[in-house]
Amino acid sequence: MGIMQAIKFLAIIAKVSPGKELDKWDQMAKYTNI
């Protein structure tokens, strides 16, 4: 997964459920090595 794709994916998550998925943000960041 490219960094830009990851950012877009995280942005979509943020729009869908802001404030609720912060833990998943951290997990995705680790998974994508951002």
PDB file of N, CA and C in Angstrom:
ATOM      1  N   MET A   1       0.851  -1.204   0.000  1.00  0.00           N
ATOM      2  CA  MET A   1       0.000   0.000   0.000  1.00  0.00           C
ATOM      3  C   MET A   1       0.879   1.244   0.000  1.00  0.00           C
ATOM      4  N   GLY A   2       0.640   2.146  -0.933  1.00  0.00           N
ATOM      5  CA  GLY A   2       1.406   3.388  -0.988  1.00  0.00           C
ATOM      6  C   GLY A   2       0.997   4.329   0.119  1.00  0.00           C
ATOM      7  N   ILE A   3       1.884   5.251   0.426  1.00  0.00           N
ATOM      8  CA  ILE A   3       1.612   6.209   1.507  1.00  0.00           C
ATOM      9  C   ILE A   3       0.395   7.057   1.166  1.00  0.00           C
ATOM     10  N   MET A   4       0.294   7.503  -0.077  1.00  0.00           N
ATOM     11  CA  MET A   4      -0.837   8.336  -0.478  1.00  0.00           C
ATOM     12  C   MET A   4      -2.148   7.572  -0.351  1.00  0.00           C
ATOM     13  N   GLN A   5      -2.123   6.289  -0.716  1.00  0.00           N
ATOM     14  CA  GLN A   5      -3.331   5.471  -0.586  1.00  0.00           C
ATOM     15  C   GLN A   5      -3.711   5.339   0.874  1.00  0.00           C
ATOM     16  N   ALA A   6      -2.700   5.188   1.732  1.00  0.00           N
ATOM     17  CA  ALA A   6      -2.956   5.046   3.162  1.00  0.00           C
ATOM     18  C   ALA A   6      -3.568   6.320   3.719  1.00  0.00           C
ATOM     19  N   ILE A   7      -3.042   7.470   3.296  1.00  0.00           N
ATOM     20  CA  ILE A   7      -3.560   8.754   3.776  1.00  0.00           C
ATOM     21  C   ILE A   7      -5.016   8.916   3.354  1.00  0.00           C
ATOM     22  N   LYS A   8      -5.312   8.589   2.107  1.00  0.00           N
ATOM     23  CA  LYS A   8      -6.688   8.695   1.613  1.00  0.00           C
ATOM     24  C   LYS A   8      -7.603   7.758   2.383  1.00  0.00           C
ATOM     25  N   PHE A   9      -7.110   6.546   2.656  1.00  0.00           N
ATOM     26  CA  PHE A   9      -7.898   5.560   3.396  1.00  0.00           C
ATOM     27  C   PHE A   9      -8.198   6.063   4.797  1.00  0.00           C
ATOM     28  N   LEU A  10      -7.168   6.636   5.452  1.00  0.00           N
ATOM     29  CA  LEU A  10      -7.352   7.158   6.804  1.00  0.00           C
ATOM     30  C   LEU A  10      -8.301   8.350   6.790  1.00  0.00           C
ATOM     31  N   ALA A  11      -8.220   9.155   5.742  1.00  0.00           N
ATOM     32  CA  ALA A  11      -9.097  10.317   5.629  1.00  0.00           C
ATOM     33  C   ALA A  11     -10.549   9.874   5.528  1.00  0.00           C
ATOM     34  N   ILE A  12     -10.792   8.799   4.789  1.00  0.00           N
ATOM     35  CA  ILE A  12     -12.150   8.264   4.652  1.00  0.00           C
ATOM     36  C   ILE A  12     -12.654   7.773   6.000  1.00  0.00           C
ATOM     37  N   ILE A  13     -11.795   7.066   6.736  1.00  0.00           N
ATOM     38  CA  ILE A  13     -12.178   6.575   8.062  1.00  0.00           C
ATOM     39  C   ILE A  13     -12.529   7.754   8.965  1.00  0.00           C
ATOM     40  N   ALA A  14     -11.729   8.808   8.895  1.00  0.00           N
ATOM     41  CA  ALA A  14     -11.942   9.976   9.744  1.00  0.00           C
ATOM     42  C   ALA A  14     -13.291  10.620   9.434  1.00  0.00           C
ATOM     43  N   LYS A  15     -13.668  10.652   8.155  1.00  0.00           N
ATOM     44  CA  LYS A  15     -14.942  11.254   7.764  1.00  0.00           C
ATOM     45  C   LYS A  15     -16.111  10.395   8.217  1.00  0.00           C
ATOM     46  N   VAL A  16     -15.937   9.083   8.140  1.00  0.00           N
ATOM     47  CA  VAL A  16     -17.022   8.164   8.486  1.00  0.00           C
ATOM     48  C   VAL A  16     -17.280   8.166   9.984  1.00  0.00           C
ATOM     49  N   SER A  17     -16.221   8.111  10.771  1.00  0.00           N
ATOM     50  CA  SER A  17     -16.405   8.052  12.221  1.00  0.00           C
ATOM     51  C   SER A  17     -15.307   8.838  12.935  1.00  0.00           C
ATOM     52  N   PRO A  18     -15.394  10.167  12.900  1.00  0.00           N
ATOM     53  CA  PRO A  18     -14.388  11.017  13.538  1.00  0.00           C
ATOM     54  C   PRO A  18     -14.350  10.810  15.041  1.00  0.00           C
ATOM     55  N   GLY A  19     -13.143  10.679  15.581  1.00  0.00           N
ATOM     56  CA  GLY A  19     -12.985  10.560  17.023  1.00  0.00           C
ATOM     57  C   GLY A  19     -13.156   9.147  17.540  1.00  0.00           C
ATOM     58  N   LYS A  20     -13.767   8.272  16.755  1.00  0.00           N
ATOM     59  CA  LYS A  20     -14.042   6.916  17.231  1.00  0.00           C
ATOM     60  C   LYS A  20     -12.967   5.930  16.789  1.00  0.00           C
ATOM     61  N   GLU A  21     -12.229   6.278  15.747  1.00  0.00           N
ATOM     62  CA  GLU A  21     -11.284   5.329  15.152  1.00  0.00           C
ATOM     63  C   GLU A  21      -9.832   5.734  15.375  1.00  0.00           C
ATOM     64  N   LEU A  22      -9.588   6.579  16.374  1.00  0.00           N
ATOM     65  CA  LEU A  22      -8.225   7.055  16.602  1.00  0.00           C
ATOM     66  C   LEU A  22      -7.272   5.906  16.890  1.00  0.00           C
ATOM     67  N   ASP A  23      -7.748   4.892  17.608  1.00  0.00           N
ATOM     68  CA  ASP A  23      -6.900   3.733  17.900  1.00  0.00           C
ATOM     69  C   ASP A  23      -6.542   3.004  16.606  1.00  0.00           C
ATOM     70  N   LYS A  24      -7.505   2.944  15.694  1.00  0.00           N
ATOM     71  CA  LYS A  24      -7.237   2.279  14.423  1.00  0.00           C
ATOM     72  C   LYS A  24      -6.265   3.098  13.587  1.00  0.00           C
ATOM     73  N   TRP A  25      -6.313   4.418  13.732  1.00  0.00           N
ATOM     74  CA  TRP A  25      -5.347   5.272  13.042  1.00  0.00           C
ATOM     75  C   TRP A  25      -3.941   4.863  13.436  1.00  0.00           C
ATOM     76  N   ASP A  26      -3.725   4.680  14.754  1.00  0.00           N
ATOM     77  CA  ASP A  26      -2.403   4.290  15.255  1.00  0.00           C
ATOM     78  C   ASP A  26      -2.012   2.923  14.697  1.00  0.00           C
ATOM     79  N   GLN A  27      -2.956   2.001  14.651  1.00  0.00           N
ATOM     80  CA  GLN A  27      -2.671   0.664  14.139  1.00  0.00           C
ATOM     81  C   GLN A  27      -2.334   0.723  12.651  1.00  0.00           C
ATOM     82  N   MET A  28      -3.092   1.512  11.895  1.00  0.00           N
ATOM     83  CA  MET A  28      -2.845   1.630  10.464  1.00  0.00           C
ATOM     84  C   MET A  28      -1.499   2.292  10.207  1.00  0.00           C
ATOM     85  N   ALA A  29      -1.156   3.284  11.030  1.00  0.00           N
ATOM     86  CA  ALA A  29       0.124   3.973  10.873  1.00  0.00           C
ATOM     87  C   ALA A  29       1.282   2.996  11.063  1.00  0.00           C
ATOM     88  N   LYS A  30       1.152   2.127  12.061  1.00  0.00           N
ATOM     89  CA  LYS A  30       2.189   1.126  12.311  1.00  0.00           C
ATOM     90  C   LYS A  30       2.217   0.108  11.167  1.00  0.00           C
ATOM     91  N   TYR A  31       1.042  -0.272  10.704  1.00  0.00           N
ATOM     92  CA  TYR A  31       0.940  -1.291   9.659  1.00  0.00           C
ATOM     93  C   TYR A  31       1.525  -0.802   8.336  1.00  0.00           C
ATOM     94  N   THR A  32       1.303   0.491   8.044  1.00  0.00           N
ATOM     95  CA  THR A  32       1.770   1.049   6.778  1.00  0.00           C
ATOM     96  C   THR A  32       3.135   1.698   6.915  1.00  0.00           C
ATOM     97  N   ASN A  33       3.695   1.677   8.133  1.00  0.00           N
ATOM     98  CA  ASN A  33       5.027   2.231   8.382  1.00  0.00           C
ATOM     99  C   ASN A  33       5.115   3.708   8.030  1.00  0.00           C
ATOM    100  N   ILE A  34       4.069   4.453   8.365  1.00  0.00           N
ATOM    101  CA  ILE A  34       4.072   5.894   8.100  1.00  0.00           C
ATOM    102  C   ILE A  34       4.875   6.592   9.187  1.00  0.00           C
TER     103      ILE A  34
END
